[in-house]
C-alpha atoms as a PDB file:
ATOM      1  CA  GLY A   1     107.003 216.881  34.246  1.00  0.00           C
ATOM      2  CA  LEU A   2     107.478 218.796  37.446  1.00  0.00           C
ATOM      3  CA  PHE A   3     105.648 221.938  36.336  1.00  0.00           C
ATOM      4  CA  ILE A   4     102.589 223.003  34.401  1.00  0.00           C
ATOM      5  CA  LYS A   5     102.427 226.094  32.220  1.00  0.00           C
ATOM      6  CA  ALA A   6      99.941 228.494  33.744  1.00  0.00           C
ATOM      7  CA  GLY A   7      98.176 231.653  32.675  1.00  0.00           C
ATOM      8  CA  ASP A   8      99.255 232.710  29.204  1.00  0.00           C
ATOM      9  CA  GLY A   9     101.779 229.851  29.019  1.00  0.00           C
ATOM     10  CA  SER A  10     104.766 231.900  30.152  1.00  0.00           C
ATOM     11  CA  VAL A  11     104.333 231.148  33.868  1.00  0.00           C
ATOM     12  CA  TYR A  12     105.338 227.901  35.572  1.00  0.00           C
ATOM     13  CA  HIS A  13     103.662 226.354  38.606  1.00  0.00           C
ATOM     14  CA  PRO A  14     104.493 223.061  40.376  1.00  0.00           C
ATOM     15  CA  LYS A  15     102.373 220.166  39.224  1.00  0.00           C
ATOM     16  CA  GLY A  16     100.107 218.877  41.982  1.00  0.00           C
ATOM     17  CA  GLY A  17      99.584 215.342  43.184  1.00  0.00           C
ATOM     18  CA  LYS A  18     101.530 212.864  45.209  1.00  0.00           C
ATOM     19  CA  GLN A  19     105.263 213.367  45.170  1.00  0.00           C
ATOM     20  CA  GLY A  20     107.277 210.232  44.671  1.00  0.00           C
ATOM     21  CA  VAL A  21     110.928 210.096  45.693  1.00  0.00           C
ATOM     22  CA  LYS A  22     112.169 210.859  42.163  1.00  0.00           C
ATOM     23  CA  LYS A  23     109.875 213.871  41.841  1.00  0.00           C
ATOM     24  CA  ARG A  24     110.934 215.228  45.235  1.00  0.00           C
ATOM     25  CA  GLU A  25     114.619 214.830  44.309  1.00  0.00           C
ATOM     26  CA  LYS A  26     114.046 216.674  41.028  1.00  0.00           C
ATOM     27  CA  ILE A  27     112.283 219.553  42.794  1.00  0.00           C
ATOM     28  CA  GLN A  28     115.106 219.789  45.350  1.00  0.00           C
ATOM     29  CA  ALA A  29     117.693 219.836  42.555  1.00  0.00           C
ATOM     30  CA  LEU A  30     115.749 222.562  40.769  1.00  0.00           C
ATOM     31  CA  GLY A  31     115.582 224.545  44.016  1.00  0.00           C
ATOM     32  CA  ARG A  32     119.343 224.283  44.405  1.00  0.00           C
ATOM     33  CA  LEU A  33     119.837 225.416  40.806  1.00  0.00           C
ATOM     34  CA  VAL A  34     117.578 228.460  41.246  1.00  0.00           C
ATOM     35  CA  GLY A  35     119.236 229.262  44.591  1.00  0.00           C
ATOM     36  CA  LEU A  36     122.689 229.041  43.031  1.00  0.00           C
ATOM     37  CA  ALA A  37     121.620 231.295  40.154  1.00  0.00           C
ATOM     38  CA  LEU A  38     120.287 233.867  42.636  1.00  0.00           C
ATOM     39  CA  ARG A  39     123.469 233.709  44.693  1.00  0.00           C
ATOM     40  CA  GLN A  40     125.667 234.101  41.612  1.00  0.00           C
ATOM     41  CA  GLN A  41     123.363 236.810  40.213  1.00  0.00           C
ATOM     42  CA  VAL A  42     122.750 234.834  37.049  1.00  0.00           C
ATOM     43  CA  TYR A  43     119.545 235.651  35.170  1.00  0.00           C
ATOM     44  CA  ILE A  44     117.256 232.681  34.488  1.00  0.00           C
ATOM     45  CA  ASN A  45     114.574 233.366  31.913  1.00  0.00           C
ATOM     46  CA  VAL A  46     111.719 231.658  33.747  1.00  0.00           C
ATOM     47  CA  ARG A  47     108.705 233.115  35.492  1.00  0.00           C
ATOM     48  CA  PHE A  48     107.107 231.234  38.390  1.00  0.00           C
ATOM     49  CA  SER A  49     103.468 231.701  39.343  1.00  0.00           C
ATOM     50  CA  ARG A  50     102.509 234.223  42.005  1.00  0.00           C
ATOM     51  CA  ALA A  51     101.156 231.327  44.095  1.00  0.00           C
ATOM     52  CA  MET A  52     104.491 229.493  43.948  1.00  0.00           C
ATOM     53  CA  VAL A  53     106.429 232.612  44.923  1.00  0.00           C
ATOM     54  CA  LYS A  54     104.062 233.185  47.850  1.00  0.00           C
ATOM     55  CA  LEU A  55     104.589 229.599  49.003  1.00  0.00           C
ATOM     56  CA  ILE A  56     108.362 229.996  48.825  1.00  0.00           C
ATOM     57  CA  LEU A  57     108.164 233.248  50.821  1.00  0.00           C
ATOM     58  CA  GLY A  58     105.790 231.713  53.381  1.00  0.00           C
ATOM     59  CA  GLN A  59     102.958 234.076  52.501  1.00  0.00           C
ATOM     60  CA  LYS A  60      99.281 233.171  52.712  1.00  0.00           C
ATOM     61  CA  LEU A  61      97.590 232.189  49.453  1.00  0.00           C
ATOM     62  CA  GLU A  62      94.407 234.031  48.509  1.00  0.00           C
ATOM     63  CA  PHE A  63      91.486 232.880  46.361  1.00  0.00           C
ATOM     64  CA  GLU A  64      92.589 235.263  43.579  1.00  0.00           C
ATOM     65  CA  ASP A  65      95.971 233.482  43.321  1.00  0.00           C
ATOM     66  CA  LEU A  66      94.094 230.571  41.772  1.00  0.00           C
ATOM     67  CA  GLU A  67      93.242 232.623  38.664  1.00  0.00           C
ATOM     68  CA  GLU A  68      96.783 232.716  37.259  1.00  0.00           C
ATOM     69  CA  VAL A  69      97.322 228.967  37.570  1.00  0.00           C
ATOM     70  CA  PHE A  70      93.870 227.494  36.964  1.00  0.00           C
ATOM     71  CA  GLY A  71      91.867 230.170  35.157  1.00  0.00           C
ATOM     72  CA  ASP A  72      88.881 227.978  34.248  1.00  0.00           C
ATOM     73  CA  LEU A  73      88.567 226.588  37.766  1.00  0.00           C
ATOM     74  CA  TYR A  74      88.869 230.090  39.215  1.00  0.00           C
ATOM     75  CA  ALA A  75      86.147 231.400  36.884  1.00  0.00           C
ATOM     76  CA  SER A  76      83.816 228.537  37.778  1.00  0.00           C
ATOM     77  CA  LEU A  77      84.339 228.925  41.517  1.00  0.00           C
ATOM     78  CA  LYS A  78      83.973 232.700  41.295  1.00  0.00           C
ATOM     79  CA  TRP A  79      80.708 232.279  39.399  1.00  0.00           C
ATOM     80  CA  MET A  80      79.453 229.849  42.048  1.00  0.00           C
ATOM     81  CA  LYS A  81      80.517 232.229  44.804  1.00  0.00           C
ATOM     82  CA  ASP A  82      78.880 235.296  43.216  1.00  0.00           C
ATOM     83  CA  GLN A  83      75.603 233.749  42.010  1.00  0.00           C
ATOM     84  CA  PRO A  84      72.705 233.245  44.406  1.00  0.00           C
ATOM     85  CA  ASN A  85      71.415 229.647  44.491  1.00  0.00           C
ATOM     86  CA  SER A  86      74.317 228.446  42.319  1.00  0.00           C
ATOM     87  CA  THR A  87      74.870 225.384  44.517  1.00  0.00           C
ATOM     88  CA  GLU A  88      71.404 224.073  43.635  1.00  0.00           C
ATOM     89  CA  VAL A  89      72.458 223.866  39.984  1.00  0.00           C
ATOM     90  CA  LEU A  90      75.938 222.384  40.471  1.00  0.00           C
ATOM     91  CA  GLU A  91      75.311 219.735  43.162  1.00  0.00           C
ATOM     92  CA  CYS A  92      78.938 219.632  44.385  1.00  0.00           C
ATOM     93  CA  THR A  93      80.400 217.805  47.363  1.00  0.00           C
ATOM     94  CA  PHE A  94      83.542 218.586  49.350  1.00  0.00           C
ATOM     95  CA  SER A  95      85.618 216.138  47.324  1.00  0.00           C
ATOM     96  CA  VAL A  96      87.586 216.142  44.082  1.00  0.00           C
ATOM     97  CA  THR A  97      89.006 213.556  41.719  1.00  0.00           C
ATOM     98  CA  GLU A  98      92.779 213.910  41.542  1.00  0.00           C
ATOM     99  CA  GLU A  99      94.827 212.755  38.571  1.00  0.00           C
ATOM    100  CA  ASP A 100      98.484 211.977  39.070  1.00  0.00           C
ATOM    101  CA  ASP A 101     101.440 210.504  37.215  1.00  0.00           C
ATOM    102  CA  ALA A 102     101.625 206.747  37.703  1.00  0.00           C
ATOM    103  CA  GLU A 103     105.337 207.058  38.620  1.00  0.00           C
ATOM    104  CA  ALA A 104     104.440 208.719  41.926  1.00  0.00           C
ATOM    105  CA  HIS A 105     102.433 205.607  42.795  1.00  0.00           C
ATOM    106  CA  GLY A 106     105.101 203.082  41.859  1.00  0.00           C
ATOM    107  CA  LYS A 107     103.660 202.283  38.434  1.00  0.00           C
ATOM    108  CA  GLU A 108     105.560 202.609  35.192  1.00  0.00           C
ATOM    109  CA  GLU A 109     103.257 204.813  33.120  1.00  0.00           C
ATOM    110  CA  GLY A 110      99.805 206.245  32.792  1.00  0.00           C
ATOM    111  CA  ILE A 111      97.516 208.268  35.010  1.00  0.00           C
ATOM    112  CA  VAL A 112      96.218 207.293  38.444  1.00  0.00           C
ATOM    113  CA  ARG A 113      92.880 208.747  39.545  1.00  0.00           C
ATOM    114  CA  ARG A 114      91.632 208.888  43.116  1.00  0.00           C
ATOM    115  CA  ASP A 115      88.911 210.675  45.023  1.00  0.00           C
ATOM    116  CA  VAL A 116      90.148 213.087  47.682  1.00  0.00           C
ATOM    117  CA  ASN A 117      87.998 214.505  50.464  1.00  0.00           C
ATOM    118  CA  LEU A 118      88.583 218.214  51.030  1.00  0.00           C
ATOM    119  CA  ILE A 119      87.146 217.912  54.545  1.00  0.00           C
ATOM    120  CA  PRO A 120      86.428 214.813  56.668  1.00  0.00           C
ATOM    121  CA  GLU A 121      83.650 212.830  54.962  1.00  0.00           C
ATOM    122  CA  GLY A 122      83.726 215.379  52.135  1.00  0.00           C
ATOM    123  CA  SER A 123      82.231 213.062  49.519  1.00  0.00           C
ATOM    124  CA  ASP A 124      79.106 212.859  51.710  1.00  0.00           C
ATOM    125  CA  THR A 125      78.949 216.614  52.434  1.00  0.00           C
ATOM    126  CA  VAL A 126      76.963 218.621  49.890  1.00  0.00           C
ATOM    127  CA  VAL A 127      78.047 222.184  49.148  1.00  0.00           C
ATOM    128  CA  ASN A 128      75.162 224.569  49.866  1.00  0.00           C
ATOM    129  CA  GLU A 129      74.697 228.347  50.001  1.00  0.00           C
ATOM    130  CA  GLU A 130      75.975 228.495  53.577  1.00  0.00           C
ATOM    131  CA  THR A 131      79.144 226.481  52.874  1.00  0.00           C
ATOM    132  CA  LYS A 132      80.063 227.586  49.338  1.00  0.00           C
ATOM    133  CA  ASP A 133      82.605 230.180  50.542  1.00  0.00           C
ATOM    134  CA  GLU A 134      84.394 227.414  52.485  1.00  0.00           C
ATOM    135  CA  TYR A 135      84.334 225.209  49.381  1.00  0.00           C
END
């Protein structure tokens, strides 16, 4: 699908990952539909995440915007940020493993996993106490 249910399950947020042509066309069509509903003053019973609304309005995203969409990730990162010496326990690098729909990669079905560096050479850069706020 194009969206994930976030927060308490009543909020929708765009699904991450690579956007294939079909996915991009679907998002554009959805945007046109929402725009038309706004123009015609038609109520649509859907609630988009605060982060998505900020992106649409061109506003800067804040760390706290992560909580509504990815509560567990937010809680983990907040714990790491608030706890002294937390990076010694977690042993993180500036990279993540991304999962995506196979369709976006030209495959028929399944999940495609790939490592993504968050900064240049991120998989070789260890998160420490000095860099954990950047992480």
